[in-house]
Amino acid sequence: MWDRITVEPGKMEGRPCIRGLRFTVAQLIRLVAAGWTLEQIQDEYPFVEAEDLRQALLYAAAASDVTTMPLRDFA
């Protein structure tokens, strides 16, 4: 499923990257959040492919799917 997302302990402090490059999933997601289109991203970072972006978005969605448990007040 994540064939374009790599994690290497010695690279980018172990952060998830795009295809082993020194370009993190977070960097790509931040560009999208800032309103950049795929075409704008590719103009600045020509190595980014459409499938990289798709998987980065899916990865970010999965990473944010966290269940929180309410804390009880014991006071």
PDB file of N, CA and C in Angstrom:
ATOM      1  N   MET A   1       0.822  -1.201   0.000  1.00  0.00           N
ATOM      2  CA  MET A   1       0.000   0.000   0.000  1.00  0.00           C
ATOM      3  C   MET A   1       0.866   1.265   0.000  1.00  0.00           C
ATOM      4  N   TRP A   2       1.934   1.262   0.789  1.00  0.00           N
ATOM      5  CA  TRP A   2       2.786   2.447   0.879  1.00  0.00           C
ATOM      6  C   TRP A   2       4.084   2.207   0.123  1.00  0.00           C
ATOM      7  N   ASP A   3       4.021   1.914  -1.146  1.00  0.00           N
ATOM      8  CA  ASP A   3       5.240   1.630  -1.893  1.00  0.00           C
ATOM      9  C   ASP A   3       6.022   2.894  -2.267  1.00  0.00           C
ATOM     10  N   ARG A   4       5.472   4.065  -2.005  1.00  0.00           N
ATOM     11  CA  ARG A   4       6.173   5.320  -2.284  1.00  0.00           C
ATOM     12  C   ARG A   4       6.546   6.080  -1.020  1.00  0.00           C
ATOM     13  N   ILE A   5       6.152   5.571   0.126  1.00  0.00           N
ATOM     14  CA  ILE A   5       6.484   6.199   1.402  1.00  0.00           C
ATOM     15  C   ILE A   5       7.564   5.345   2.058  1.00  0.00           C
ATOM     16  N   THR A   6       8.698   5.958   2.357  1.00  0.00           N
ATOM     17  CA  THR A   6       9.804   5.222   2.968  1.00  0.00           C
ATOM     18  C   THR A   6      10.203   5.874   4.283  1.00  0.00           C
ATOM     19  N   VAL A   7      10.687   5.041   5.183  1.00  0.00           N
ATOM     20  CA  VAL A   7      11.203   5.519   6.467  1.00  0.00           C
ATOM     21  C   VAL A   7      12.569   4.867   6.663  1.00  0.00           C
ATOM     22  N   GLU A   8      13.587   5.708   6.761  1.00  0.00           N
ATOM     23  CA  GLU A   8      14.945   5.223   6.977  1.00  0.00           C
ATOM     24  C   GLU A   8      15.499   5.950   8.200  1.00  0.00           C
ATOM     25  N   PRO A   9      15.905   5.197   9.229  1.00  0.00           N
ATOM     26  CA  PRO A   9      16.363   5.828  10.470  1.00  0.00           C
ATOM     27  C   PRO A   9      17.450   6.878  10.269  1.00  0.00           C
ATOM     28  N   GLY A  10      18.360   6.692   9.327  1.00  0.00           N
ATOM     29  CA  GLY A  10      19.454   7.634   9.130  1.00  0.00           C
ATOM     30  C   GLY A  10      19.164   8.762   8.162  1.00  0.00           C
ATOM     31  N   LYS A  11      17.951   8.835   7.662  1.00  0.00           N
ATOM     32  CA  LYS A  11      17.606   9.857   6.680  1.00  0.00           C
ATOM     33  C   LYS A  11      16.465  10.718   7.197  1.00  0.00           C
ATOM     34  N   MET A  12      16.653  12.015   7.201  1.00  0.00           N
ATOM     35  CA  MET A  12      15.628  12.975   7.617  1.00  0.00           C
ATOM     36  C   MET A  12      15.076  12.631   9.008  1.00  0.00           C
ATOM     37  N   GLU A  13      15.975  12.182   9.872  1.00  0.00           N
ATOM     38  CA  GLU A  13      15.627  11.837  11.259  1.00  0.00           C
ATOM     39  C   GLU A  13      14.527  10.781  11.344  1.00  0.00           C
ATOM     40  N   GLY A  14      14.467   9.901  10.351  1.00  0.00           N
ATOM     41  CA  GLY A  14      13.483   8.825  10.365  1.00  0.00           C
ATOM     42  C   GLY A  14      12.080   9.234   9.988  1.00  0.00           C
ATOM     43  N   ARG A  15      11.927  10.452   9.466  1.00  0.00           N
ATOM     44  CA  ARG A  15      10.588  10.908   9.062  1.00  0.00           C
ATOM     45  C   ARG A  15      10.176  10.214   7.761  1.00  0.00           C
ATOM     46  N   PRO A  16       8.878   9.990   7.572  1.00  0.00           N
ATOM     47  CA  PRO A  16       8.406   9.404   6.320  1.00  0.00           C
ATOM     48  C   PRO A  16       8.758  10.313   5.142  1.00  0.00           C
ATOM     49  N   CYS A  17       9.344   9.712   4.103  1.00  0.00           N
ATOM     50  CA  CYS A  17       9.782  10.453   2.915  1.00  0.00           C
ATOM     51  C   CYS A  17       9.129   9.890   1.664  1.00  0.00           C
ATOM     52  N   ILE A  18       9.255  10.639   0.605  1.00  0.00           N
ATOM     53  CA  ILE A  18       8.757  10.214  -0.696  1.00  0.00           C
ATOM     54  C   ILE A  18       9.862   9.437  -1.412  1.00  0.00           C
ATOM     55  N   ARG A  19       9.618   8.158  -1.661  1.00  0.00           N
ATOM     56  CA  ARG A  19      10.501   7.266  -2.423  1.00  0.00           C
ATOM     57  C   ARG A  19      11.972   7.333  -2.037  1.00  0.00           C
ATOM     58  N   GLY A  20      12.265   7.432  -0.769  1.00  0.00           N
ATOM     59  CA  GLY A  20      13.646   7.433  -0.319  1.00  0.00           C
ATOM     60  C   GLY A  20      14.391   8.729  -0.551  1.00  0.00           C
ATOM     61  N   LEU A  21      13.691   9.723  -1.072  1.00  0.00           N
ATOM     62  CA  LEU A  21      14.310  11.023  -1.322  1.00  0.00           C
ATOM     63  C   LEU A  21      14.335  11.833  -0.034  1.00  0.00           C
ATOM     64  N   ARG A  22      15.095  12.867  -0.012  1.00  0.00           N
ATOM     65  CA  ARG A  22      15.129  13.763   1.155  1.00  0.00           C
ATOM     66  C   ARG A  22      14.021  14.814   1.028  1.00  0.00           C
ATOM     67  N   PHE A  23      12.834  14.315   0.856  1.00  0.00           N
ATOM     68  CA  PHE A  23      11.629  15.134   0.719  1.00  0.00           C
ATOM     69  C   PHE A  23      10.545  14.432   1.509  1.00  0.00           C
ATOM     70  N   THR A  24      10.141  15.038   2.613  1.00  0.00           N
ATOM     71  CA  THR A  24       9.232  14.346   3.528  1.00  0.00           C
ATOM     72  C   THR A  24       7.769  14.442   3.101  1.00  0.00           C
ATOM     73  N   VAL A  25       7.017  13.488   3.603  1.00  0.00           N
ATOM     74  CA  VAL A  25       5.564  13.505   3.411  1.00  0.00           C
ATOM     75  C   VAL A  25       5.012  14.818   3.966  1.00  0.00           C
ATOM     76  N   ALA A  26       5.515  15.233   5.125  1.00  0.00           N
ATOM     77  CA  ALA A  26       5.039  16.475   5.741  1.00  0.00           C
ATOM     78  C   ALA A  26       5.292  17.682   4.841  1.00  0.00           C
ATOM     79  N   GLN A  27       6.453  17.729   4.183  1.00  0.00           N
ATOM     80  CA  GLN A  27       6.730  18.847   3.269  1.00  0.00           C
ATOM     81  C   GLN A  27       5.691  18.890   2.153  1.00  0.00           C
ATOM     82  N   LEU A  28       5.403  17.737   1.589  1.00  0.00           N
ATOM     83  CA  LEU A  28       4.446  17.672   0.490  1.00  0.00           C
ATOM     84  C   LEU A  28       3.049  18.055   0.957  1.00  0.00           C
ATOM     85  N   ILE A  29       2.642  17.560   2.113  1.00  0.00           N
ATOM     86  CA  ILE A  29       1.317  17.881   2.642  1.00  0.00           C
ATOM     87  C   ILE A  29       1.204  19.370   2.953  1.00  0.00           C
ATOM     88  N   ARG A  30       2.277  19.965   3.482  1.00  0.00           N
ATOM     89  CA  ARG A  30       2.250  21.405   3.771  1.00  0.00           C
ATOM     90  C   ARG A  30       2.060  22.229   2.505  1.00  0.00           C
ATOM     91  N   LEU A  31       2.667  21.811   1.416  1.00  0.00           N
ATOM     92  CA  LEU A  31       2.486  22.529   0.151  1.00  0.00           C
ATOM     93  C   LEU A  31       1.026  22.477  -0.292  1.00  0.00           C
ATOM     94  N   VAL A  32       0.430  21.300  -0.191  1.00  0.00           N
ATOM     95  CA  VAL A  32      -0.989  21.158  -0.558  1.00  0.00           C
ATOM     96  C   VAL A  32      -1.856  22.009   0.363  1.00  0.00           C
ATOM     97  N   ALA A  33      -1.554  21.989   1.656  1.00  0.00           N
ATOM     98  CA  ALA A  33      -2.325  22.786   2.617  1.00  0.00           C
ATOM     99  C   ALA A  33      -2.183  24.277   2.348  1.00  0.00           C
ATOM    100  N   ALA A  34      -1.062  24.683   1.786  1.00  0.00           N
ATOM    101  CA  ALA A  34      -0.843  26.090   1.455  1.00  0.00           C
ATOM    102  C   ALA A  34      -1.509  26.484   0.139  1.00  0.00           C
ATOM    103  N   GLY A  35      -2.141  25.510  -0.520  1.00  0.00           N
ATOM    104  CA  GLY A  35      -2.884  25.824  -1.731  1.00  0.00           C
ATOM    105  C   GLY A  35      -2.157  25.522  -3.037  1.00  0.00           C
ATOM    106  N   TRP A  36      -0.997  24.895  -2.958  1.00  0.00           N
ATOM    107  CA  TRP A  36      -0.262  24.564  -4.173  1.00  0.00           C
ATOM    108  C   TRP A  36      -0.982  23.452  -4.932  1.00  0.00           C
ATOM    109  N   THR A  37      -1.013  23.559  -6.246  1.00  0.00           N
ATOM    110  CA  THR A  37      -1.547  22.490  -7.084  1.00  0.00           C
ATOM    111  C   THR A  37      -0.428  21.497  -7.385  1.00  0.00           C
ATOM    112  N   LEU A  38      -0.800  20.342  -7.901  1.00  0.00           N
ATOM    113  CA  LEU A  38       0.206  19.362  -8.288  1.00  0.00           C
ATOM    114  C   LEU A  38       1.157  19.964  -9.319  1.00  0.00           C
ATOM    115  N   GLU A  39       0.619  20.723 -10.248  1.00  0.00           N
ATOM    116  CA  GLU A  39       1.457  21.335 -11.279  1.00  0.00           C
ATOM    117  C   GLU A  39       2.462  22.313 -10.678  1.00  0.00           C
ATOM    118  N   GLN A  40       2.043  23.099  -9.703  1.00  0.00           N
ATOM    119  CA  GLN A  40       2.958  24.032  -9.041  1.00  0.00           C
ATOM    120  C   GLN A  40       4.039  23.278  -8.268  1.00  0.00           C
ATOM    121  N   ILE A  41       3.636  22.219  -7.619  1.00  0.00           N
ATOM    122  CA  ILE A  41       4.598  21.396  -6.875  1.00  0.00           C
ATOM    123  C   ILE A  41       5.619  20.809  -7.839  1.00  0.00           C
ATOM    124  N   GLN A  42       5.143  20.279  -8.965  1.00  0.00           N
ATOM    125  CA  GLN A  42       6.050  19.668  -9.938  1.00  0.00           C
ATOM    126  C   GLN A  42       6.960  20.692 -10.610  1.00  0.00           C
ATOM    127  N   ASP A  43       6.508  21.923 -10.746  1.00  0.00           N
ATOM    128  CA  ASP A  43       7.378  22.970 -11.286  1.00  0.00           C
ATOM    129  C   ASP A  43       8.560  23.210 -10.358  1.00  0.00           C
ATOM    130  N   GLU A  44       8.304  23.204  -9.053  1.00  0.00           N
ATOM    131  CA  GLU A  44       9.351  23.461  -8.060  1.00  0.00           C
ATOM    132  C   GLU A  44      10.134  22.191  -7.700  1.00  0.00           C
ATOM    133  N   TYR A  45       9.437  21.061  -7.692  1.00  0.00           N
ATOM    134  CA  TYR A  45      10.031  19.773  -7.319  1.00  0.00           C
ATOM    135  C   TYR A  45       9.684  18.758  -8.408  1.00  0.00           C
ATOM    136  N   PRO A  46      10.409  18.762  -9.519  1.00  0.00           N
ATOM    137  CA  PRO A  46      10.035  17.944 -10.676  1.00  0.00           C
ATOM    138  C   PRO A  46      10.028  16.436 -10.434  1.00  0.00           C
ATOM    139  N   PHE A  47      10.628  15.982  -9.362  1.00  0.00           N
ATOM    140  CA  PHE A  47      10.658  14.545  -9.064  1.00  0.00           C
ATOM    141  C   PHE A  47       9.354  14.052  -8.445  1.00  0.00           C
ATOM    142  N   VAL A  48       8.481  14.956  -8.001  1.00  0.00           N
ATOM    143  CA  VAL A  48       7.215  14.547  -7.380  1.00  0.00           C
ATOM    144  C   VAL A  48       6.240  14.106  -8.470  1.00  0.00           C
ATOM    145  N   GLU A  49       5.705  12.917  -8.279  1.00  0.00           N
ATOM    146  CA  GLU A  49       4.729  12.364  -9.218  1.00  0.00           C
ATOM    147  C   GLU A  49       3.338  12.378  -8.586  1.00  0.00           C
ATOM    148  N   ALA A  50       2.327  12.313  -9.415  1.00  0.00           N
ATOM    149  CA  ALA A  50       0.943  12.354  -8.928  1.00  0.00           C
ATOM    150  C   ALA A  50       0.685  11.249  -7.907  1.00  0.00           C
ATOM    151  N   GLU A  51       1.226  10.068  -8.132  1.00  0.00           N
ATOM    152  CA  GLU A  51       1.021   8.961  -7.198  1.00  0.00           C
ATOM    153  C   GLU A  51       1.713   9.232  -5.863  1.00  0.00           C
ATOM    154  N   ASP A  52       2.829   9.970  -5.872  1.00  0.00           N
ATOM    155  CA  ASP A  52       3.481  10.368  -4.618  1.00  0.00           C
ATOM    156  C   ASP A  52       2.522  11.205  -3.785  1.00  0.00           C
ATOM    157  N   LEU A  53       1.884  12.154  -4.429  1.00  0.00           N
ATOM    158  CA  LEU A  53       0.949  13.037  -3.729  1.00  0.00           C
ATOM    159  C   LEU A  53      -0.245  12.253  -3.204  1.00  0.00           C
ATOM    160  N   ARG A  54      -0.778  11.367  -4.009  1.00  0.00           N
ATOM    161  CA  ARG A  54      -1.930  10.560  -3.584  1.00  0.00           C
ATOM    162  C   ARG A  54      -1.586   9.740  -2.345  1.00  0.00           C
ATOM    163  N   GLN A  55      -0.440   9.078  -2.378  1.00  0.00           N
ATOM    164  CA  GLN A  55      -0.061   8.261  -1.229  1.00  0.00           C
ATOM    165  C   GLN A  55       0.277   9.117  -0.009  1.00  0.00           C
ATOM    166  N   ALA A  56       0.869  10.272  -0.228  1.00  0.00           N
ATOM    167  CA  ALA A  56       1.171  11.166   0.901  1.00  0.00           C
ATOM    168  C   ALA A  56      -0.117  11.610   1.581  1.00  0.00           C
ATOM    169  N   LEU A  57      -1.134  11.922   0.810  1.00  0.00           N
ATOM    170  CA  LEU A  57      -2.421  12.320   1.389  1.00  0.00           C
ATOM    171  C   LEU A  57      -3.067  11.165   2.141  1.00  0.00           C
ATOM    172  N   LEU A  58      -3.015   9.973   1.568  1.00  0.00           N
ATOM    173  CA  LEU A  58      -3.564   8.800   2.245  1.00  0.00           C
ATOM    174  C   LEU A  58      -2.789   8.493   3.517  1.00  0.00           C
ATOM    175  N   TYR A  59      -1.484   8.638   3.469  1.00  0.00           N
ATOM    176  CA  TYR A  59      -0.638   8.395   4.643  1.00  0.00           C
ATOM    177  C   TYR A  59      -0.968   9.391   5.752  1.00  0.00           C
ATOM    178  N   ALA A  60      -1.104  10.653   5.379  1.00  0.00           N
ATOM    179  CA  ALA A  60      -1.437  11.685   6.366  1.00  0.00           C
ATOM    180  C   ALA A  60      -2.810  11.426   6.978  1.00  0.00           C
ATOM    181  N   ALA A  61      -3.756  11.011   6.162  1.00  0.00           N
ATOM    182  CA  ALA A  61      -5.090  10.706   6.680  1.00  0.00           C
ATOM    183  C   ALA A  61      -5.027   9.535   7.657  1.00  0.00           C
ATOM    184  N   ALA A  62      -4.277   8.499   7.314  1.00  0.00           N
ATOM    185  CA  ALA A  62      -4.156   7.343   8.196  1.00  0.00           C
ATOM    186  C   ALA A  62      -3.445   7.727   9.493  1.00  0.00           C
ATOM    187  N   ALA A  63      -2.423   8.564   9.391  1.00  0.00           N
ATOM    188  CA  ALA A  63      -1.670   8.975  10.579  1.00  0.00           C
ATOM    189  C   ALA A  63      -2.515   9.828  11.514  1.00  0.00           C
ATOM    190  N   SER A  64      -3.491  10.533  10.971  1.00  0.00           N
ATOM    191  CA  SER A  64      -4.312  11.408  11.806  1.00  0.00           C
ATOM    192  C   SER A  64      -5.549  10.704  12.355  1.00  0.00           C
ATOM    193  N   ASP A  65      -5.751   9.480  11.955  1.00  0.00           N
ATOM    194  CA  ASP A  65      -6.926   8.724  12.391  1.00  0.00           C
ATOM    195  C   ASP A  65      -6.631   8.082  13.745  1.00  0.00           C
ATOM    196  N   VAL A  66      -6.627   8.922  14.758  1.00  0.00           N
ATOM    197  CA  VAL A  66      -6.270   8.489  16.109  1.00  0.00           C
ATOM    198  C   VAL A  66      -7.502   8.569  16.993  1.00  0.00           C
ATOM    199  N   THR A  67      -7.721   7.526  17.748  1.00  0.00           N
ATOM    200  CA  THR A  67      -8.827   7.520  18.701  1.00  0.00           C
ATOM    201  C   THR A  67      -8.315   8.036  20.035  1.00  0.00           C
ATOM    202  N   THR A  68      -9.013   8.986  20.586  1.00  0.00           N
ATOM    203  CA  THR A  68      -8.636   9.487  21.903  1.00  0.00           C
ATOM    204  C   THR A  68      -9.658   9.019  22.922  1.00  0.00           C
ATOM    205  N   MET A  69      -9.160   8.778  24.092  1.00  0.00           N
ATOM    206  CA  MET A  69     -10.027   8.339  25.177  1.00  0.00           C
ATOM    207  C   MET A  69     -10.158   9.489  26.164  1.00  0.00           C
ATOM    208  N   PRO A  70     -11.364   9.850  26.542  1.00  0.00           N
ATOM    209  CA  PRO A  70     -11.520  10.945  27.513  1.00  0.00           C
ATOM    210  C   PRO A  70     -10.925  10.555  28.865  1.00  0.00           C
ATOM    211  N   LEU A  71     -10.301  11.497  29.499  1.00  0.00           N
ATOM    212  CA  LEU A  71      -9.728  11.267  30.815  1.00  0.00           C
ATOM    213  C   LEU A  71     -10.807  11.490  31.870  1.00  0.00           C
ATOM    214  N   ARG A  72     -10.796  10.634  32.853  1.00  0.00           N
ATOM    215  CA  ARG A  72     -11.761  10.797  33.949  1.00  0.00           C
ATOM    216  C   ARG A  72     -11.177  11.743  34.974  1.00  0.00           C
ATOM    217  N   ASP A  73     -12.034  12.544  35.532  1.00  0.00           N
ATOM    218  CA  ASP A  73     -11.617  13.459  36.592  1.00  0.00           C
ATOM    219  C   ASP A  73     -11.775  12.731  37.918  1.00  0.00           C
ATOM    220  N   PHE A  74     -10.654  12.474  38.579  1.00  0.00           N
ATOM    221  CA  PHE A  74     -10.676  11.742  39.833  1.00  0.00           C
ATOM    222  C   PHE A  74     -10.718  12.662  41.046  1.00  0.00           C
ATOM    223  N   ALA A  75     -10.910  13.940  40.838  1.00  0.00           N
ATOM    224  CA  ALA A  75     -10.907  14.903  41.960  1.00  0.00           C
ATOM    225  C   ALA A  75     -12.186  14.810  42.755  1.00  0.00           C
TER     226      ALA A  75
END
